[in-house]
Amino acid sequence: MDILEKLTSWQITPPLIEHPPLFNCDEADRLLLERPGTRLKNLFLRDNYGRRHALLLTKPDKQVDLKALSSQLGWSRIGFASAERLDKYLGVAPGHVSVLALINDANAQAVELWLDNDLSEGDDFHCHPLRNTATVLLSKVDLARFAEHTGHTPQWIDVPER
């Protein structure tokens, strides 16, 4: 069952927008795609020891201060996880990451879900459905429902900026 069928089975039916492959926020900017809703930057992070992992959703233009975030959350030196870790924990390649990749972590619960408080007023979040050639618009309510189905408790946090 693909991710869209799984969402439908959970009574989550977000709009789907097909588009050329987008590997990062800058590429979306260059294409000048007009899409309603809230764009996201998705950062797959790990601690210094590789024991803890998190998916951070933030604004696309935010330059996250990982050192300050490490101190704030009590993690040892947060850094970006490798492509190999991304595949192992979320089952996607770089450029295909979104909150929907947590479907691949539903059993292991190895990845924490962090949402930047700067997104709290947003809705209809842009999410790749495990491929970067489409975007679904996931409402805040549907995001919470999805997280509940996958066993991930969203943590709303203040994300420091450089």
C-alpha atoms as a PDB file:
ATOM      1  CA  MET A   1       0.000   0.000   0.000  1.00  0.00           C
ATOM      2  CA  ASP A   2       1.488   3.364  -0.951  1.00  0.00           C
ATOM      3  CA  ILE A   3       1.465   6.373   1.347  1.00  0.00           C
ATOM      4  CA  LEU A   4      -1.566   8.028  -0.284  1.00  0.00           C
ATOM      5  CA  GLU A   5      -3.626   4.835   0.081  1.00  0.00           C
ATOM      6  CA  LYS A   6      -2.508   4.578   3.718  1.00  0.00           C
ATOM      7  CA  LEU A   7      -3.556   8.179   4.384  1.00  0.00           C
ATOM      8  CA  THR A   8      -6.939   7.528   2.790  1.00  0.00           C
ATOM      9  CA  SER A   9      -7.403   4.453   4.987  1.00  0.00           C
ATOM     10  CA  TRP A  10      -6.929   6.790   7.979  1.00  0.00           C
ATOM     11  CA  GLN A  11      -9.534   9.249   6.608  1.00  0.00           C
ATOM     12  CA  ILE A  12      -6.794  11.698   5.620  1.00  0.00           C
ATOM     13  CA  THR A  13      -7.283  12.846   2.024  1.00  0.00           C
ATOM     14  CA  PRO A  14      -5.006  15.807   1.347  1.00  0.00           C
ATOM     15  CA  PRO A  15      -4.878  17.548  -2.021  1.00  0.00           C
ATOM     16  CA  LEU A  16      -2.035  16.307  -4.273  1.00  0.00           C
ATOM     17  CA  ILE A  17      -0.006  18.621  -6.515  1.00  0.00           C
ATOM     18  CA  GLU A  18       2.244  17.003  -9.145  1.00  0.00           C
ATOM     19  CA  HIS A  19       5.391  18.919 -10.172  1.00  0.00           C
ATOM     20  CA  PRO A  20       8.938  18.434 -11.500  1.00  0.00           C
ATOM     21  CA  PRO A  21      11.407  16.882  -9.028  1.00  0.00           C
ATOM     22  CA  LEU A  22      12.309  19.277  -6.201  1.00  0.00           C
ATOM     23  CA  PHE A  23      15.298  18.335  -4.068  1.00  0.00           C
ATOM     24  CA  ASN A  24      15.286  21.411  -1.805  1.00  0.00           C
ATOM     25  CA  CYS A  25      13.503  24.673  -1.063  1.00  0.00           C
ATOM     26  CA  ASP A  26      15.752  26.667  -3.401  1.00  0.00           C
ATOM     27  CA  GLU A  27      14.656  24.560  -6.377  1.00  0.00           C
ATOM     28  CA  ALA A  28      11.015  25.211  -5.524  1.00  0.00           C
ATOM     29  CA  ASP A  29      11.801  28.936  -5.390  1.00  0.00           C
ATOM     30  CA  ARG A  30      13.453  28.842  -8.835  1.00  0.00           C
ATOM     31  CA  LEU A  31      10.429  27.104 -10.384  1.00  0.00           C
ATOM     32  CA  LEU A  32       8.155  29.810  -8.970  1.00  0.00           C
ATOM     33  CA  LEU A  33       5.519  27.224  -8.138  1.00  0.00           C
ATOM     34  CA  GLU A  34       2.391  28.818  -6.754  1.00  0.00           C
ATOM     35  CA  ARG A  35       0.970  26.480  -4.156  1.00  0.00           C
ATOM     36  CA  PRO A  36      -1.344  27.386  -1.287  1.00  0.00           C
ATOM     37  CA  GLY A  37      -0.383  26.533   2.266  1.00  0.00           C
ATOM     38  CA  THR A  38       2.795  26.498   4.333  1.00  0.00           C
ATOM     39  CA  ARG A  39       6.104  25.482   2.820  1.00  0.00           C
ATOM     40  CA  LEU A  40       8.466  23.483   5.021  1.00  0.00           C
ATOM     41  CA  LYS A  41      12.132  22.734   5.373  1.00  0.00           C
ATOM     42  CA  ASN A  42      12.650  19.154   6.595  1.00  0.00           C
ATOM     43  CA  LEU A  43      15.914  18.438   8.432  1.00  0.00           C
ATOM     44  CA  PHE A  44      16.854  14.912   9.434  1.00  0.00           C
ATOM     45  CA  LEU A  45      19.153  15.227  12.433  1.00  0.00           C
ATOM     46  CA  ARG A  46      21.168  12.966  14.725  1.00  0.00           C
ATOM     47  CA  ASP A  47      23.092  13.378  17.952  1.00  0.00           C
ATOM     48  CA  ASN A  48      26.876  13.151  18.106  1.00  0.00           C
ATOM     49  CA  TYR A  49      26.763   9.437  18.919  1.00  0.00           C
ATOM     50  CA  GLY A  50      24.162   8.492  16.324  1.00  0.00           C
ATOM     51  CA  ARG A  51      21.888   7.101  19.026  1.00  0.00           C
ATOM     52  CA  ARG A  52      19.095   9.661  18.704  1.00  0.00           C
ATOM     53  CA  HIS A  53      17.433  10.952  15.564  1.00  0.00           C
ATOM     54  CA  ALA A  54      14.882  13.667  14.874  1.00  0.00           C
ATOM     55  CA  LEU A  55      12.978  15.096  11.961  1.00  0.00           C
ATOM     56  CA  LEU A  56      12.738  18.867  12.322  1.00  0.00           C
ATOM     57  CA  LEU A  57      10.119  20.806  10.361  1.00  0.00           C
ATOM     58  CA  THR A  58      10.790  24.523  10.095  1.00  0.00           C
ATOM     59  CA  LYS A  59      10.374  27.484   7.748  1.00  0.00           C
ATOM     60  CA  PRO A  60      12.227  27.160   4.432  1.00  0.00           C
ATOM     61  CA  ASP A  61      14.277  30.328   4.933  1.00  0.00           C
ATOM     62  CA  LYS A  62      15.321  29.642   8.527  1.00  0.00           C
ATOM     63  CA  GLN A  63      19.026  29.073   9.181  1.00  0.00           C
ATOM     64  CA  VAL A  64      18.902  26.765  12.190  1.00  0.00           C
ATOM     65  CA  ASP A  65      21.595  27.159  14.837  1.00  0.00           C
ATOM     66  CA  LEU A  66      22.318  23.495  15.557  1.00  0.00           C
ATOM     67  CA  LYS A  67      24.775  24.276  18.362  1.00  0.00           C
ATOM     68  CA  ALA A  68      22.183  26.336  20.226  1.00  0.00           C
ATOM     69  CA  LEU A  69      19.519  23.717  19.524  1.00  0.00           C
ATOM     70  CA  SER A  70      21.798  21.024  21.001  1.00  0.00           C
ATOM     71  CA  SER A  71      22.199  23.038  24.204  1.00  0.00           C
ATOM     72  CA  GLN A  72      18.521  23.871  24.394  1.00  0.00           C
ATOM     73  CA  LEU A  73      17.386  20.234  24.035  1.00  0.00           C
ATOM     74  CA  GLY A  74      20.235  18.592  25.942  1.00  0.00           C
ATOM     75  CA  TRP A  75      21.465  16.570  22.982  1.00  0.00           C
ATOM     76  CA  SER A  76      25.183  16.121  22.356  1.00  0.00           C
ATOM     77  CA  ARG A  77      26.176  18.037  19.214  1.00  0.00           C
ATOM     78  CA  ILE A  78      23.228  17.826  16.838  1.00  0.00           C
ATOM     79  CA  GLY A  79      24.254  17.395  13.220  1.00  0.00           C
ATOM     80  CA  PHE A  80      22.774  16.373   9.905  1.00  0.00           C
ATOM     81  CA  ALA A  81      22.279  12.637   9.479  1.00  0.00           C
ATOM     82  CA  SER A  82      23.874  10.908   6.495  1.00  0.00           C
ATOM     83  CA  ALA A  83      22.027   9.640   3.437  1.00  0.00           C
ATOM     84  CA  GLU A  84      22.605   6.129   4.760  1.00  0.00           C
ATOM     85  CA  ARG A  85      20.896   6.964   8.071  1.00  0.00           C
ATOM     86  CA  LEU A  86      18.078   8.675   6.190  1.00  0.00           C
ATOM     87  CA  ASP A  87      17.479   5.502   4.199  1.00  0.00           C
ATOM     88  CA  LYS A  88      17.800   3.264   7.270  1.00  0.00           C
ATOM     89  CA  TYR A  89      15.445   5.224   9.533  1.00  0.00           C
ATOM     90  CA  LEU A  90      13.014   6.922   7.147  1.00  0.00           C
ATOM     91  CA  GLY A  91      13.337   4.844   3.998  1.00  0.00           C
ATOM     92  CA  VAL A  92      13.826   7.794   1.665  1.00  0.00           C
ATOM     93  CA  ALA A  93      16.681   9.429  -0.218  1.00  0.00           C
ATOM     94  CA  PRO A  94      17.867  13.026   0.245  1.00  0.00           C
ATOM     95  CA  GLY A  95      15.436  15.419  -1.413  1.00  0.00           C
ATOM     96  CA  HIS A  96      12.444  13.183  -0.666  1.00  0.00           C
ATOM     97  CA  VAL A  97      12.175  13.880   3.074  1.00  0.00           C
ATOM     98  CA  SER A  98       8.942  14.994   4.682  1.00  0.00           C
ATOM     99  CA  VAL A  99       6.938  14.186   7.776  1.00  0.00           C
ATOM    100  CA  LEU A 100       5.219  11.455   5.757  1.00  0.00           C
ATOM    101  CA  ALA A 101       8.485   9.450   5.787  1.00  0.00           C
ATOM    102  CA  LEU A 102       7.723   8.706   9.448  1.00  0.00           C
ATOM    103  CA  ILE A 103       5.401   6.003   8.097  1.00  0.00           C
ATOM    104  CA  ASN A 104       8.625   3.995   7.655  1.00  0.00           C
ATOM    105  CA  ASP A 105       9.481   4.477  11.348  1.00  0.00           C
ATOM    106  CA  ALA A 106       6.050   3.523  12.696  1.00  0.00           C
ATOM    107  CA  ASN A 107       7.286   0.272  14.265  1.00  0.00           C
ATOM    108  CA  ALA A 108      10.742   1.309  15.453  1.00  0.00           C
ATOM    109  CA  GLN A 109       9.852   4.736  16.895  1.00  0.00           C
ATOM    110  CA  ALA A 110      13.522   5.690  16.468  1.00  0.00           C
ATOM    111  CA  VAL A 111      12.898   9.206  15.139  1.00  0.00           C
ATOM    112  CA  GLU A 112      11.492  12.110  17.141  1.00  0.00           C
ATOM    113  CA  LEU A 113       9.255  14.664  15.427  1.00  0.00           C
ATOM    114  CA  TRP A 114      10.078  18.310  16.141  1.00  0.00           C
ATOM    115  CA  LEU A 115       7.990  21.189  14.824  1.00  0.00           C
ATOM    116  CA  ASP A 116       9.253  24.753  14.945  1.00  0.00           C
ATOM    117  CA  ASN A 117       6.943  27.036  16.932  1.00  0.00           C
ATOM    118  CA  ASP A 118       7.288  29.486  14.022  1.00  0.00           C
ATOM    119  CA  LEU A 119       4.967  27.109  12.115  1.00  0.00           C
ATOM    120  CA  SER A 120       2.218  27.184  14.743  1.00  0.00           C
ATOM    121  CA  GLU A 121       0.096  29.668  12.791  1.00  0.00           C
ATOM    122  CA  GLY A 122       0.524  27.748   9.537  1.00  0.00           C
ATOM    123  CA  ASP A 123      -1.731  25.159   7.974  1.00  0.00           C
ATOM    124  CA  ASP A 124      -1.861  23.017   4.847  1.00  0.00           C
ATOM    125  CA  PHE A 125       1.760  21.975   5.276  1.00  0.00           C
ATOM    126  CA  HIS A 126       3.641  21.007   2.107  1.00  0.00           C
ATOM    127  CA  CYS A 127       4.814  17.381   2.332  1.00  0.00           C
ATOM    128  CA  HIS A 128       6.411  15.085  -0.240  1.00  0.00           C
ATOM    129  CA  PRO A 129       4.503  11.774  -0.388  1.00  0.00           C
ATOM    130  CA  LEU A 130       7.822   9.834  -0.234  1.00  0.00           C
ATOM    131  CA  ARG A 131       8.741  11.189  -3.672  1.00  0.00           C
ATOM    132  CA  ASN A 132       9.860  14.660  -4.656  1.00  0.00           C
ATOM    133  CA  THR A 133       7.669  14.895  -7.762  1.00  0.00           C
ATOM    134  CA  ALA A 134       4.521  15.732  -5.811  1.00  0.00           C
ATOM    135  CA  THR A 135       3.364  17.673  -2.782  1.00  0.00           C
ATOM    136  CA  VAL A 136       0.410  16.979  -0.533  1.00  0.00           C
ATOM    137  CA  LEU A 137      -1.135  19.709   1.596  1.00  0.00           C
ATOM    138  CA  LEU A 138      -1.527  18.273   5.078  1.00  0.00           C
ATOM    139  CA  SER A 139      -3.690  20.296   7.459  1.00  0.00           C
ATOM    140  CA  LYS A 140      -2.540  20.738  11.051  1.00  0.00           C
ATOM    141  CA  VAL A 141      -5.346  18.410  12.162  1.00  0.00           C
ATOM    142  CA  ASP A 142      -4.342  15.780   9.590  1.00  0.00           C
ATOM    143  CA  LEU A 143      -0.677  16.134  10.578  1.00  0.00           C
ATOM    144  CA  ALA A 144      -1.633  15.374  14.190  1.00  0.00           C
ATOM    145  CA  ARG A 145      -3.769  12.438  13.068  1.00  0.00           C
ATOM    146  CA  PHE A 146      -0.920  11.077  10.905  1.00  0.00           C
ATOM    147  CA  ALA A 147       1.553  11.400  13.780  1.00  0.00           C
ATOM    148  CA  GLU A 148      -0.843   9.573  16.081  1.00  0.00           C
ATOM    149  CA  HIS A 149      -1.218   6.693  13.591  1.00  0.00           C
ATOM    150  CA  THR A 150       2.566   6.352  13.304  1.00  0.00           C
ATOM    151  CA  GLY A 151       3.112   6.644  17.050  1.00  0.00           C
ATOM    152  CA  HIS A 152       5.086   9.897  16.878  1.00  0.00           C
ATOM    153  CA  THR A 153       4.273  12.659  19.342  1.00  0.00           C
ATOM    154  CA  PRO A 154       4.985  16.042  17.761  1.00  0.00           C
ATOM    155  CA  GLN A 155       7.140  18.270  19.971  1.00  0.00           C
ATOM    156  CA  TRP A 156       6.611  21.967  19.304  1.00  0.00           C
ATOM    157  CA  ILE A 157       9.905  23.717  20.064  1.00  0.00           C
ATOM    158  CA  ASP A 158      11.543  27.118  19.743  1.00  0.00           C
ATOM    159  CA  VAL A 159      14.171  26.628  17.045  1.00  0.00           C
ATOM    160  CA  PRO A 160      17.124  29.020  17.381  1.00  0.00           C
ATOM    161  CA  GLU A 161      18.352  30.810  14.294  1.00  0.00           C
ATOM    162  CA  ARG A 162      21.906  31.713  13.310  1.00  0.00           C
END
